[in-house]
Amino acid sequence: MKIAIAGKGGVGKTIISALLVRELIEHGKGPILVIDADPNANLNIPLGIDYNGTIADIVEEFKTRTRSGISKVDILKMEFQNIITEEENFDFLVMGAPEGPGCYCAVNDILREILNQFSRNYPYVIFDAEAGLEHLSRKT
């Protein structure tokens, strides 16, 4: 089951996401993939964890990498283990800061691809979205 917590800013999306994760854990509903897609990336705080890196970090690294004949998605798959934070009952993934003013285009494409592949391993995916609703029209 995929659950996206979305809406305008300041309404408690992050807290609701954290409470939902904790509730699922308390009821033995795991493993859970938890995704922080807010540019401020603070879902880790109410969950009481640190994170290892972001998808945006990897995208930035791509900009300076020389072409190796491997697609960005394939490189991300290889780098994924470095950025996912593994906890006892859930795995945590941070999308990261936008690459330009309000643009998540490439990051969203990569996140969508990785979600399609990796989320199949999780009975629950909790997605803490950025403020606003425009990301819904971009199918994130």
C-alpha atoms as a PDB file:
ATOM      1  CA  MET A   1       0.000   0.000   0.000  1.00  0.00           C
ATOM      2  CA  LYS A   2       1.358   3.409  -0.971  1.00  0.00           C
ATOM      3  CA  ILE A   3       0.293   6.364   1.162  1.00  0.00           C
ATOM      4  CA  ALA A   4       1.194   9.942   0.212  1.00  0.00           C
ATOM      5  CA  ILE A   5       0.770  12.695   2.795  1.00  0.00           C
ATOM      6  CA  ALA A   6       0.284  15.907   0.799  1.00  0.00           C
ATOM      7  CA  GLY A   7      -1.232  19.370   1.176  1.00  0.00           C
ATOM      8  CA  LYS A   8      -0.375  22.967   1.833  1.00  0.00           C
ATOM      9  CA  GLY A   9       2.544  23.975   4.005  1.00  0.00           C
ATOM     10  CA  GLY A  10       2.310  24.105   7.783  1.00  0.00           C
ATOM     11  CA  VAL A  11      -0.548  21.655   8.231  1.00  0.00           C
ATOM     12  CA  GLY A  12       1.455  18.858   9.879  1.00  0.00           C
ATOM     13  CA  LYS A  13       2.238  16.512   6.982  1.00  0.00           C
ATOM     14  CA  THR A  14       5.578  15.489   8.476  1.00  0.00           C
ATOM     15  CA  ILE A  15       4.136  14.746  11.928  1.00  0.00           C
ATOM     16  CA  ILE A  16       1.260  12.785  10.389  1.00  0.00           C
ATOM     17  CA  SER A  17       3.777  10.811   8.323  1.00  0.00           C
ATOM     18  CA  ALA A  18       5.895  10.030  11.399  1.00  0.00           C
ATOM     19  CA  LEU A  19       2.842   9.025  13.450  1.00  0.00           C
ATOM     20  CA  LEU A  20       1.632   6.789  10.629  1.00  0.00           C
ATOM     21  CA  VAL A  21       5.025   5.065  10.461  1.00  0.00           C
ATOM     22  CA  ARG A  22       5.048   4.529  14.228  1.00  0.00           C
ATOM     23  CA  GLU A  23       1.460   3.214  14.181  1.00  0.00           C
ATOM     24  CA  LEU A  24       2.261   0.729  11.418  1.00  0.00           C
ATOM     25  CA  ILE A  25       5.349  -0.442  13.315  1.00  0.00           C
ATOM     26  CA  GLU A  26       3.382  -0.862  16.562  1.00  0.00           C
ATOM     27  CA  HIS A  27       0.909  -3.072  14.699  1.00  0.00           C
ATOM     28  CA  GLY A  28       3.633  -5.192  13.104  1.00  0.00           C
ATOM     29  CA  LYS A  29       3.003  -3.885   9.593  1.00  0.00           C
ATOM     30  CA  GLY A  30       6.416  -3.886   8.039  1.00  0.00           C
ATOM     31  CA  PRO A  31       8.814  -3.501   6.536  1.00  0.00           C
ATOM     32  CA  ILE A  32       7.997   0.069   5.541  1.00  0.00           C
ATOM     33  CA  LEU A  33       9.685   2.291   2.989  1.00  0.00           C
ATOM     34  CA  VAL A  34       9.541   5.888   4.256  1.00  0.00           C
ATOM     35  CA  ILE A  35      10.298   8.662   1.760  1.00  0.00           C
ATOM     36  CA  ASP A  36      10.926  12.280   2.734  1.00  0.00           C
ATOM     37  CA  ALA A  37      10.225  14.347  -0.392  1.00  0.00           C
ATOM     38  CA  ASP A  38      10.152  17.705   1.386  1.00  0.00           C
ATOM     39  CA  PRO A  39      13.063  19.991   0.382  1.00  0.00           C
ATOM     40  CA  ASN A  40      13.549  20.729   4.090  1.00  0.00           C
ATOM     41  CA  ALA A  41      13.996  16.984   4.724  1.00  0.00           C
ATOM     42  CA  ASN A  42      13.064  16.855   8.394  1.00  0.00           C
ATOM     43  CA  LEU A  43      10.984  13.677   8.711  1.00  0.00           C
ATOM     44  CA  ASN A  44      14.047  12.037  10.226  1.00  0.00           C
ATOM     45  CA  ILE A  45      13.684  14.224  13.350  1.00  0.00           C
ATOM     46  CA  PRO A  46      10.325  12.893  14.628  1.00  0.00           C
ATOM     47  CA  LEU A  47      11.454   9.401  13.608  1.00  0.00           C
ATOM     48  CA  GLY A  48      14.591   9.870  15.732  1.00  0.00           C
ATOM     49  CA  ILE A  49      17.108   8.943  13.035  1.00  0.00           C
ATOM     50  CA  ASP A  50      19.842  10.449  10.871  1.00  0.00           C
ATOM     51  CA  TYR A  51      20.049   9.903   7.132  1.00  0.00           C
ATOM     52  CA  ASN A  52      22.956   8.956   4.890  1.00  0.00           C
ATOM     53  CA  GLY A  53      22.388  11.138   1.832  1.00  0.00           C
ATOM     54  CA  THR A  54      19.773  12.049  -0.720  1.00  0.00           C
ATOM     55  CA  ILE A  55      18.744  11.239  -4.249  1.00  0.00           C
ATOM     56  CA  ALA A  56      19.500  14.886  -5.079  1.00  0.00           C
ATOM     57  CA  ASP A  57      23.088  14.350  -3.849  1.00  0.00           C
ATOM     58  CA  ILE A  58      23.489  11.560  -6.362  1.00  0.00           C
ATOM     59  CA  VAL A  59      21.922  13.635  -9.145  1.00  0.00           C
ATOM     60  CA  GLU A  60      24.377  16.451  -8.379  1.00  0.00           C
ATOM     61  CA  GLU A  61      27.228  13.962  -8.515  1.00  0.00           C
ATOM     62  CA  PHE A  62      26.043  12.868 -11.986  1.00  0.00           C
ATOM     63  CA  LYS A  63      26.625  16.379 -13.280  1.00  0.00           C
ATOM     64  CA  THR A  64      30.363  16.115 -12.618  1.00  0.00           C
ATOM     65  CA  ARG A  65      30.789  12.457 -13.544  1.00  0.00           C
ATOM     66  CA  THR A  66      32.207  11.485 -16.870  1.00  0.00           C
ATOM     67  CA  ARG A  67      29.951   9.349 -18.999  1.00  0.00           C
ATOM     68  CA  SER A  68      30.637   5.688 -18.429  1.00  0.00           C
ATOM     69  CA  GLY A  69      28.030   4.193 -20.720  1.00  0.00           C
ATOM     70  CA  ILE A  70      25.817   3.404 -17.732  1.00  0.00           C
ATOM     71  CA  SER A  71      22.453   5.154 -17.421  1.00  0.00           C
ATOM     72  CA  LYS A  72      21.745   7.454 -14.494  1.00  0.00           C
ATOM     73  CA  VAL A  73      19.042   5.096 -13.282  1.00  0.00           C
ATOM     74  CA  ASP A  74      21.492   2.177 -13.300  1.00  0.00           C
ATOM     75  CA  ILE A  75      24.078   4.243 -11.423  1.00  0.00           C
ATOM     76  CA  LEU A  76      21.407   5.257  -8.897  1.00  0.00           C
ATOM     77  CA  LYS A  77      20.524   1.609  -8.375  1.00  0.00           C
ATOM     78  CA  MET A  78      24.177   0.922  -7.560  1.00  0.00           C
ATOM     79  CA  GLU A  79      24.411   3.979  -5.273  1.00  0.00           C
ATOM     80  CA  PHE A  80      21.051   3.334  -3.603  1.00  0.00           C
ATOM     81  CA  GLN A  81      22.522   1.301  -0.764  1.00  0.00           C
ATOM     82  CA  ASN A  82      24.653   4.297   0.193  1.00  0.00           C
ATOM     83  CA  ILE A  83      21.723   6.693   0.583  1.00  0.00           C
ATOM     84  CA  ILE A  84      19.047   4.490   2.095  1.00  0.00           C
ATOM     85  CA  THR A  85      18.967   4.461   5.879  1.00  0.00           C
ATOM     86  CA  GLU A  86      18.048   1.029   7.182  1.00  0.00           C
ATOM     87  CA  GLU A  87      16.272   0.860  10.526  1.00  0.00           C
ATOM     88  CA  GLU A  88      14.854  -2.185  12.287  1.00  0.00           C
ATOM     89  CA  ASN A  89      11.287  -1.822  10.961  1.00  0.00           C
ATOM     90  CA  PHE A  90      11.628   0.627   8.099  1.00  0.00           C
ATOM     91  CA  ASP A  91      13.967   1.969   5.460  1.00  0.00           C
ATOM     92  CA  PHE A  92      14.282   5.725   5.003  1.00  0.00           C
ATOM     93  CA  LEU A  93      14.975   7.585   1.774  1.00  0.00           C
ATOM     94  CA  VAL A  94      15.405  11.352   1.361  1.00  0.00           C
ATOM     95  CA  MET A  95      14.701  12.993  -1.960  1.00  0.00           C
ATOM     96  CA  GLY A  96      16.728  16.153  -1.236  1.00  0.00           C
ATOM     97  CA  ALA A  97      16.726  19.779  -2.317  1.00  0.00           C
ATOM     98  CA  PRO A  98      15.441  20.849  -5.734  1.00  0.00           C
ATOM     99  CA  GLU A  99      17.924  21.318  -8.532  1.00  0.00           C
ATOM    100  CA  GLY A 100      16.602  24.763  -9.415  1.00  0.00           C
ATOM    101  CA  PRO A 101      13.865  27.180  -8.393  1.00  0.00           C
ATOM    102  CA  GLY A 102      10.916  24.877  -7.764  1.00  0.00           C
ATOM    103  CA  CYS A 103      12.112  22.203 -10.197  1.00  0.00           C
ATOM    104  CA  TYR A 104      12.329  18.559  -9.202  1.00  0.00           C
ATOM    105  CA  CYS A 105      12.033  17.263 -12.762  1.00  0.00           C
ATOM    106  CA  ALA A 106      15.083  14.994 -13.039  1.00  0.00           C
ATOM    107  CA  VAL A 107      14.952  14.041  -9.364  1.00  0.00           C
ATOM    108  CA  ASN A 108      11.264  13.141  -9.688  1.00  0.00           C
ATOM    109  CA  ASP A 109      11.941  11.006 -12.744  1.00  0.00           C
ATOM    110  CA  ILE A 110      14.667   9.115 -10.916  1.00  0.00           C
ATOM    111  CA  LEU A 111      12.604   8.830  -7.729  1.00  0.00           C
ATOM    112  CA  ARG A 112       9.643   7.504  -9.716  1.00  0.00           C
ATOM    113  CA  GLU A 113      11.869   4.873 -11.364  1.00  0.00           C
ATOM    114  CA  ILE A 114      13.448   3.789  -8.087  1.00  0.00           C
ATOM    115  CA  LEU A 115      10.054   3.667  -6.367  1.00  0.00           C
ATOM    116  CA  ASN A 116       8.624   1.482  -9.088  1.00  0.00           C
ATOM    117  CA  GLN A 117      11.434  -1.003  -8.609  1.00  0.00           C
ATOM    118  CA  PHE A 118      12.222  -0.897  -4.892  1.00  0.00           C
ATOM    119  CA  SER A 119       8.762  -0.281  -3.441  1.00  0.00           C
ATOM    120  CA  ARG A 120       7.659  -3.717  -4.625  1.00  0.00           C
ATOM    121  CA  ASN A 121       9.674  -5.107  -1.715  1.00  0.00           C
ATOM    122  CA  TYR A 122       7.626  -3.229   0.883  1.00  0.00           C
ATOM    123  CA  PRO A 123       4.019  -3.835   1.918  1.00  0.00           C
ATOM    124  CA  TYR A 124       3.827  -0.144   2.931  1.00  0.00           C
ATOM    125  CA  VAL A 125       5.338   2.978   1.404  1.00  0.00           C
ATOM    126  CA  ILE A 126       4.840   6.285   3.251  1.00  0.00           C
ATOM    127  CA  PHE A 127       5.584   9.375   1.160  1.00  0.00           C
ATOM    128  CA  ASP A 128       5.937  12.700   3.023  1.00  0.00           C
ATOM    129  CA  ALA A 129       5.405  15.178   0.170  1.00  0.00           C
ATOM    130  CA  GLU A 130       6.568  18.750  -0.223  1.00  0.00           C
ATOM    131  CA  ALA A 131       4.078  21.562   0.414  1.00  0.00           C
ATOM    132  CA  GLY A 132       1.566  22.202  -2.353  1.00  0.00           C
ATOM    133  CA  LEU A 133      -0.292  19.972  -4.747  1.00  0.00           C
ATOM    134  CA  GLU A 134       1.582  20.524  -8.013  1.00  0.00           C
ATOM    135  CA  HIS A 135       3.666  17.379  -7.446  1.00  0.00           C
ATOM    136  CA  LEU A 136       0.474  15.345  -7.715  1.00  0.00           C
ATOM    137  CA  SER A 137       0.000  16.556 -11.290  1.00  0.00           C
ATOM    138  CA  ARG A 138       3.612  15.501 -11.970  1.00  0.00           C
ATOM    139  CA  LYS A 139       2.675  12.015 -10.728  1.00  0.00           C
ATOM    140  CA  THR A 140       5.241  11.900  -7.934  1.00  0.00           C
END
